[in-house]
Amino acid sequence: MKLTSKALQSRNMMGELQLHDCPEPSIETAANRILMCMDNPGFEFGDYNNMTEVDKKLVVIYWKEYDGLRPFKDWREFSAWFVPATNGDIITRAKRWLHEHNYIWIKPEVVSKARNQEARMRNAIKGT
């Protein structure tokens, strides 16, 4: 996963990557944070084989960078952190929006697998 040239042209006056065309504020906030994280020197997403891996890795990176994910002493401490943390679905939706609007690049074979899976799910629902 990497930034596209469109994303790299979306810099504000401070030189930070920033979107202004995302229709939903919570998605825009998460999308901007994802872009800023990916723009950091040394950012390395690593390898991935499907969208589930992309989503899980991105949620962990996001939580660590912006929500203070760290080792916890016990369940109570983790729970106190987890409840106000950014919902993983918001992060996933932001990633989807960034990809659909050509701000990030995801391996074509992974995108193809995801589309095929989505089509299978739709067909299965229609068939019932």
N, C-alpha and C. Protein backbone atom coordinates (compact mmCIF):
# COMPACT_ATOMS: atom_id res chain seq x y z
N MET A 1 0.86 -1.16 0.00
CA MET A 1 0.00 0.00 0.00
C MET A 1 0.91 1.23 0.00
N LYS A 2 0.58 2.17 -0.89
CA LYS A 2 1.39 3.38 -0.95
C LYS A 2 0.54 4.55 -1.43
N LEU A 3 1.08 5.76 -1.25
CA LEU A 3 0.40 6.97 -1.68
C LEU A 3 0.50 7.11 -3.19
N THR A 4 -0.52 7.69 -3.80
CA THR A 4 -0.49 7.95 -5.24
C THR A 4 -0.04 9.38 -5.48
N SER A 5 0.21 9.72 -6.74
CA SER A 5 0.62 11.08 -7.07
C SER A 5 -0.50 12.07 -6.73
N LYS A 6 -1.77 11.64 -6.83
CA LYS A 6 -2.89 12.51 -6.45
C LYS A 6 -2.80 12.88 -4.98
N ALA A 7 -2.48 11.91 -4.15
CA ALA A 7 -2.35 12.18 -2.71
C ALA A 7 -1.19 13.14 -2.45
N LEU A 8 -0.08 12.92 -3.13
CA LEU A 8 1.10 13.74 -2.91
C LEU A 8 0.90 15.19 -3.36
N GLN A 9 -0.10 15.43 -4.20
CA GLN A 9 -0.42 16.79 -4.65
C GLN A 9 -1.43 17.47 -3.72
N SER A 10 -1.89 16.78 -2.70
CA SER A 10 -2.92 17.30 -1.79
C SER A 10 -2.32 17.88 -0.52
N ARG A 11 -1.34 18.71 -0.67
CA ARG A 11 -0.66 19.28 0.50
C ARG A 11 -1.26 20.64 0.86
N ASN A 12 -1.34 20.90 2.16
CA ASN A 12 -1.81 22.21 2.62
C ASN A 12 -0.62 23.17 2.67
N MET A 13 -0.83 24.37 3.19
CA MET A 13 0.24 25.38 3.23
C MET A 13 1.39 25.00 4.16
N MET A 14 1.13 24.06 5.08
CA MET A 14 2.17 23.59 5.99
C MET A 14 2.97 22.43 5.39
N GLY A 15 2.56 21.98 4.19
CA GLY A 15 3.25 20.87 3.53
C GLY A 15 2.71 19.51 3.92
N GLU A 16 1.63 19.47 4.72
CA GLU A 16 1.04 18.20 5.14
C GLU A 16 0.00 17.75 4.14
N LEU A 17 -0.12 16.46 3.96
CA LEU A 17 -1.18 15.93 3.10
C LEU A 17 -2.51 16.17 3.78
N GLN A 18 -3.47 16.70 3.03
CA GLN A 18 -4.76 16.99 3.64
C GLN A 18 -5.85 17.00 2.57
N LEU A 19 -6.93 16.30 2.86
CA LEU A 19 -8.09 16.23 1.96
C LEU A 19 -9.13 17.25 2.37
N HIS A 20 -9.91 17.67 1.41
CA HIS A 20 -11.02 18.56 1.70
C HIS A 20 -12.28 18.13 0.95
N ASP A 21 -12.22 17.01 0.25
CA ASP A 21 -13.35 16.62 -0.58
C ASP A 21 -14.08 15.37 -0.10
N CYS A 22 -13.77 14.90 1.08
CA CYS A 22 -14.46 13.75 1.64
C CYS A 22 -15.77 14.23 2.26
N PRO A 23 -16.90 13.61 1.88
CA PRO A 23 -18.19 14.12 2.31
C PRO A 23 -18.55 13.89 3.79
N GLU A 24 -17.91 12.95 4.44
CA GLU A 24 -18.28 12.63 5.83
C GLU A 24 -17.14 13.03 6.77
N PRO A 25 -17.38 13.92 7.72
CA PRO A 25 -16.31 14.43 8.59
C PRO A 25 -15.51 13.36 9.33
N SER A 26 -16.16 12.34 9.87
CA SER A 26 -15.41 11.32 10.62
C SER A 26 -14.50 10.52 9.69
N ILE A 27 -14.96 10.28 8.47
CA ILE A 27 -14.14 9.57 7.48
C ILE A 27 -12.99 10.48 7.03
N GLU A 28 -13.27 11.76 6.83
CA GLU A 28 -12.23 12.70 6.40
C GLU A 28 -11.12 12.80 7.44
N THR A 29 -11.47 12.87 8.70
CA THR A 29 -10.46 12.93 9.77
C THR A 29 -9.57 11.70 9.72
N ALA A 30 -10.18 10.52 9.66
CA ALA A 30 -9.40 9.28 9.61
C ALA A 30 -8.58 9.21 8.33
N ALA A 31 -9.15 9.61 7.20
CA ALA A 31 -8.43 9.57 5.93
C ALA A 31 -7.22 10.50 5.97
N ASN A 32 -7.39 11.70 6.51
CA ASN A 32 -6.25 12.62 6.62
C ASN A 32 -5.16 12.05 7.52
N ARG A 33 -5.56 11.41 8.60
CA ARG A 33 -4.56 10.82 9.50
C ARG A 33 -3.83 9.66 8.82
N ILE A 34 -4.55 8.86 8.04
CA ILE A 34 -3.92 7.76 7.31
C ILE A 34 -2.89 8.32 6.33
N LEU A 35 -3.27 9.36 5.58
CA LEU A 35 -2.34 9.97 4.63
C LEU A 35 -1.11 10.53 5.34
N MET A 36 -1.32 11.22 6.47
CA MET A 36 -0.18 11.79 7.22
C MET A 36 0.75 10.68 7.71
N CYS A 37 0.17 9.60 8.18
CA CYS A 37 0.97 8.48 8.67
C CYS A 37 1.78 7.87 7.53
N MET A 38 1.12 7.66 6.38
CA MET A 38 1.80 7.06 5.23
C MET A 38 2.87 7.99 4.66
N ASP A 39 2.74 9.30 4.87
CA ASP A 39 3.69 10.28 4.35
C ASP A 39 4.93 10.41 5.21
N ASN A 40 4.91 9.83 6.41
CA ASN A 40 6.07 9.90 7.31
C ASN A 40 7.25 9.14 6.70
N PRO A 41 8.45 9.75 6.73
CA PRO A 41 9.63 9.00 6.28
C PRO A 41 9.77 7.74 7.13
N GLY A 42 10.07 6.68 6.51
CA GLY A 42 10.24 5.43 7.24
C GLY A 42 8.96 4.61 7.38
N PHE A 43 7.81 5.16 6.91
CA PHE A 43 6.57 4.39 6.99
C PHE A 43 6.73 3.16 6.12
N GLU A 44 6.44 2.01 6.71
CA GLU A 44 6.50 0.76 5.96
C GLU A 44 5.29 -0.07 6.32
N PHE A 45 4.46 -0.34 5.32
CA PHE A 45 3.25 -1.10 5.57
C PHE A 45 3.51 -2.60 5.59
N GLY A 46 4.50 -3.04 4.85
CA GLY A 46 4.79 -4.47 4.78
C GLY A 46 3.92 -5.16 3.75
N ASP A 47 4.07 -6.47 3.65
CA ASP A 47 3.34 -7.24 2.65
C ASP A 47 1.95 -7.60 3.15
N TYR A 48 1.06 -7.87 2.21
CA TYR A 48 -0.32 -8.25 2.53
C TYR A 48 -0.87 -9.05 1.37
N ASN A 49 -1.83 -9.94 1.68
CA ASN A 49 -2.38 -10.82 0.66
C ASN A 49 -3.87 -10.62 0.42
N ASN A 50 -4.55 -9.91 1.30
CA ASN A 50 -5.98 -9.66 1.11
C ASN A 50 -6.39 -8.40 1.88
N MET A 51 -7.60 -7.94 1.58
CA MET A 51 -8.08 -6.69 2.20
C MET A 51 -8.23 -6.82 3.71
N THR A 52 -8.54 -7.99 4.19
CA THR A 52 -8.67 -8.18 5.63
C THR A 52 -7.34 -7.87 6.31
N GLU A 53 -6.24 -8.36 5.73
CA GLU A 53 -4.92 -8.05 6.29
C GLU A 53 -4.64 -6.55 6.23
N VAL A 54 -4.98 -5.91 5.10
CA VAL A 54 -4.78 -4.47 4.96
C VAL A 54 -5.54 -3.74 6.07
N ASP A 55 -6.82 -4.10 6.24
CA ASP A 55 -7.65 -3.43 7.25
C ASP A 55 -7.10 -3.63 8.65
N LYS A 56 -6.75 -4.85 9.01
CA LYS A 56 -6.24 -5.13 10.36
C LYS A 56 -4.93 -4.40 10.63
N LYS A 57 -4.00 -4.45 9.68
CA LYS A 57 -2.72 -3.77 9.86
C LYS A 57 -2.92 -2.27 9.97
N LEU A 58 -3.79 -1.72 9.12
CA LEU A 58 -4.03 -0.29 9.14
C LEU A 58 -4.67 0.16 10.45
N VAL A 59 -5.59 -0.63 10.98
CA VAL A 59 -6.22 -0.29 12.26
C VAL A 59 -5.17 -0.27 13.37
N VAL A 60 -4.29 -1.25 13.41
CA VAL A 60 -3.26 -1.29 14.45
C VAL A 60 -2.30 -0.11 14.31
N ILE A 61 -1.88 0.19 13.07
CA ILE A 61 -0.99 1.33 12.84
C ILE A 61 -1.67 2.62 13.29
N TYR A 62 -2.93 2.79 12.91
CA TYR A 62 -3.70 3.99 13.26
C TYR A 62 -3.85 4.11 14.77
N TRP A 63 -4.27 3.03 15.42
CA TRP A 63 -4.45 3.06 16.87
C TRP A 63 -3.15 3.40 17.58
N LYS A 64 -2.05 2.81 17.12
CA LYS A 64 -0.76 3.08 17.75
C LYS A 64 -0.36 4.54 17.56
N GLU A 65 -0.52 5.05 16.34
CA GLU A 65 -0.09 6.41 16.01
C GLU A 65 -0.98 7.48 16.61
N TYR A 66 -2.31 7.29 16.58
CA TYR A 66 -3.23 8.36 16.94
C TYR A 66 -4.06 8.12 18.20
N ASP A 67 -4.22 6.89 18.62
CA ASP A 67 -5.05 6.60 19.79
C ASP A 67 -4.27 6.06 20.97
N GLY A 68 -2.95 5.99 20.84
CA GLY A 68 -2.12 5.61 21.97
C GLY A 68 -2.12 4.13 22.32
N LEU A 69 -2.27 3.25 21.32
CA LEU A 69 -2.20 1.81 21.57
C LEU A 69 -0.83 1.46 22.13
N ARG A 70 -0.83 0.67 23.21
CA ARG A 70 0.40 0.27 23.89
C ARG A 70 0.09 -0.99 24.70
N PRO A 71 1.09 -1.63 25.26
CA PRO A 71 0.80 -2.75 26.15
C PRO A 71 0.03 -2.27 27.39
N PHE A 72 -0.89 -3.07 27.84
CA PHE A 72 -1.70 -2.73 29.01
C PHE A 72 -1.47 -3.73 30.14
N LYS A 73 -1.63 -3.23 31.37
CA LYS A 73 -1.42 -4.08 32.55
C LYS A 73 -2.50 -5.14 32.66
N ASP A 74 -3.75 -4.73 32.42
CA ASP A 74 -4.85 -5.66 32.64
C ASP A 74 -6.03 -5.31 31.74
N TRP A 75 -7.04 -6.11 31.84
CA TRP A 75 -8.25 -5.95 31.03
C TRP A 75 -8.91 -4.59 31.28
N ARG A 76 -8.99 -4.17 32.51
CA ARG A 76 -9.63 -2.91 32.85
C ARG A 76 -8.93 -1.73 32.17
N GLU A 77 -7.61 -1.72 32.21
CA GLU A 77 -6.84 -0.65 31.58
C GLU A 77 -7.05 -0.68 30.05
N PHE A 78 -7.03 -1.88 29.48
CA PHE A 78 -7.28 -2.00 28.03
C PHE A 78 -8.68 -1.51 27.69
N SER A 79 -9.65 -1.91 28.44
CA SER A 79 -11.04 -1.52 28.20
C SER A 79 -11.20 0.00 28.27
N ALA A 80 -10.54 0.63 29.23
CA ALA A 80 -10.61 2.09 29.36
C ALA A 80 -10.00 2.77 28.14
N TRP A 81 -8.97 2.15 27.53
CA TRP A 81 -8.39 2.70 26.30
C TRP A 81 -9.28 2.40 25.09
N PHE A 82 -9.77 1.18 25.00
CA PHE A 82 -10.47 0.71 23.80
C PHE A 82 -11.80 1.43 23.55
N VAL A 83 -12.57 1.67 24.59
CA VAL A 83 -13.90 2.27 24.42
C VAL A 83 -13.83 3.61 23.67
N PRO A 84 -12.95 4.56 24.02
CA PRO A 84 -12.92 5.82 23.26
C PRO A 84 -12.06 5.78 22.00
N ALA A 85 -11.33 4.67 21.76
CA ALA A 85 -10.47 4.59 20.57
C ALA A 85 -11.31 4.69 19.30
N THR A 86 -10.68 5.13 18.23
CA THR A 86 -11.36 5.24 16.94
C THR A 86 -11.88 3.88 16.51
N ASN A 87 -13.15 3.85 16.10
CA ASN A 87 -13.77 2.61 15.65
C ASN A 87 -13.02 2.09 14.43
N GLY A 88 -12.69 0.81 14.45
CA GLY A 88 -11.98 0.19 13.33
C GLY A 88 -12.74 0.30 12.02
N ASP A 89 -14.08 0.32 12.09
CA ASP A 89 -14.88 0.46 10.88
C ASP A 89 -14.67 1.82 10.22
N ILE A 90 -14.49 2.86 11.01
CA ILE A 90 -14.23 4.21 10.47
C ILE A 90 -12.90 4.19 9.72
N ILE A 91 -11.90 3.54 10.28
CA ILE A 91 -10.59 3.45 9.65
C ILE A 91 -10.69 2.68 8.34
N THR A 92 -11.42 1.57 8.35
CA THR A 92 -11.62 0.77 7.14
C THR A 92 -12.38 1.56 6.08
N ARG A 93 -13.41 2.28 6.49
CA ARG A 93 -14.17 3.08 5.53
C ARG A 93 -13.31 4.20 4.95
N ALA A 94 -12.45 4.79 5.77
CA ALA A 94 -11.54 5.82 5.29
C ALA A 94 -10.56 5.24 4.27
N LYS A 95 -10.03 4.06 4.57
CA LYS A 95 -9.13 3.39 3.61
C LYS A 95 -9.85 3.12 2.31
N ARG A 96 -11.08 2.63 2.37
CA ARG A 96 -11.87 2.35 1.17
C ARG A 96 -12.09 3.63 0.36
N TRP A 97 -12.44 4.74 1.05
CA TRP A 97 -12.67 6.01 0.36
C TRP A 97 -11.37 6.49 -0.31
N LEU A 98 -10.26 6.41 0.41
CA LEU A 98 -8.98 6.83 -0.16
C LEU A 98 -8.63 6.02 -1.40
N HIS A 99 -8.89 4.72 -1.35
CA HIS A 99 -8.58 3.86 -2.51
C HIS A 99 -9.53 4.16 -3.67
N GLU A 100 -10.81 4.27 -3.39
CA GLU A 100 -11.79 4.53 -4.46
C GLU A 100 -11.57 5.88 -5.14
N HIS A 101 -10.98 6.84 -4.41
CA HIS A 101 -10.73 8.17 -4.97
C HIS A 101 -9.26 8.37 -5.37
N ASN A 102 -8.54 7.26 -5.50
CA ASN A 102 -7.16 7.24 -6.03
C ASN A 102 -6.15 8.04 -5.21
N TYR A 103 -6.29 8.01 -3.89
CA TYR A 103 -5.29 8.63 -3.03
C TYR A 103 -4.26 7.61 -2.55
N ILE A 104 -4.66 6.35 -2.47
CA ILE A 104 -3.72 5.29 -2.09
C ILE A 104 -3.81 4.16 -3.11
N TRP A 105 -2.69 3.44 -3.24
CA TRP A 105 -2.60 2.32 -4.16
C TRP A 105 -2.52 1.05 -3.34
N ILE A 106 -3.34 0.08 -3.73
CA ILE A 106 -3.33 -1.25 -3.10
C ILE A 106 -3.08 -2.26 -4.21
N LYS A 107 -2.29 -3.28 -3.94
CA LYS A 107 -1.94 -4.26 -4.98
C LYS A 107 -3.17 -4.70 -5.77
N PRO A 108 -3.09 -4.70 -7.10
CA PRO A 108 -4.24 -5.07 -7.95
C PRO A 108 -4.80 -6.46 -7.65
N GLU A 109 -3.95 -7.41 -7.34
CA GLU A 109 -4.45 -8.76 -7.07
C GLU A 109 -5.29 -8.80 -5.78
N VAL A 110 -4.94 -7.97 -4.83
CA VAL A 110 -5.70 -7.89 -3.58
C VAL A 110 -7.05 -7.22 -3.84
N VAL A 111 -7.04 -6.17 -4.64
CA VAL A 111 -8.29 -5.48 -5.01
C VAL A 111 -9.20 -6.44 -5.77
N SER A 112 -8.62 -7.20 -6.69
CA SER A 112 -9.40 -8.17 -7.48
C SER A 112 -10.03 -9.24 -6.59
N LYS A 113 -9.25 -9.76 -5.64
CA LYS A 113 -9.78 -10.75 -4.69
C LYS A 113 -10.95 -10.18 -3.91
N ALA A 114 -10.81 -8.94 -3.46
CA ALA A 114 -11.87 -8.30 -2.67
C ALA A 114 -13.13 -8.12 -3.51
N ARG A 115 -12.98 -7.69 -4.75
CA ARG A 115 -14.14 -7.53 -5.63
C ARG A 115 -14.82 -8.86 -5.91
N ASN A 116 -14.04 -9.91 -6.14
CA ASN A 116 -14.61 -11.24 -6.37
C ASN A 116 -15.37 -11.73 -5.14
N GLN A 117 -14.79 -11.52 -3.98
CA GLN A 117 -15.44 -11.92 -2.74
C GLN A 117 -16.75 -11.16 -2.55
N GLU A 118 -16.73 -9.87 -2.83
CA GLU A 118 -17.94 -9.05 -2.71
C GLU A 118 -19.02 -9.53 -3.66
N ALA A 119 -18.64 -9.87 -4.88
CA ALA A 119 -19.60 -10.38 -5.87
C ALA A 119 -20.18 -11.72 -5.41
N ARG A 120 -19.34 -12.59 -4.87
CA ARG A 120 -19.83 -13.89 -4.35
C ARG A 120 -20.83 -13.68 -3.23
N MET A 121 -20.52 -12.72 -2.34
CA MET A 121 -21.45 -12.45 -1.23
C MET A 121 -22.77 -11.92 -1.75
N ARG A 122 -22.72 -11.02 -2.72
CA ARG A 122 -23.96 -10.47 -3.29
C ARG A 122 -24.78 -11.55 -3.95
N ASN A 123 -24.11 -12.43 -4.70
CA ASN A 123 -24.82 -13.53 -5.36
C ASN A 123 -25.42 -14.51 -4.35
N ALA A 124 -24.70 -14.75 -3.28
CA ALA A 124 -25.21 -15.66 -2.24
C ALA A 124 -26.45 -15.07 -1.58
N ILE A 125 -26.43 -13.76 -1.36
CA ILE A 125 -27.59 -13.11 -0.74
C ILE A 125 -28.77 -13.12 -1.69
N LYS A 126 -28.52 -12.88 -2.99
CA LYS A 126 -29.60 -12.90 -3.99
C LYS A 126 -30.21 -14.29 -4.10
N GLY A 127 -29.36 -15.31 -3.97
CA GLY A 127 -29.81 -16.69 -4.13
C GLY A 127 -30.65 -17.21 -2.99
N THR A 128 -30.65 -16.53 -1.85
CA THR A 128 -31.41 -17.03 -0.70
C THR A 128 -32.80 -16.47 -0.64
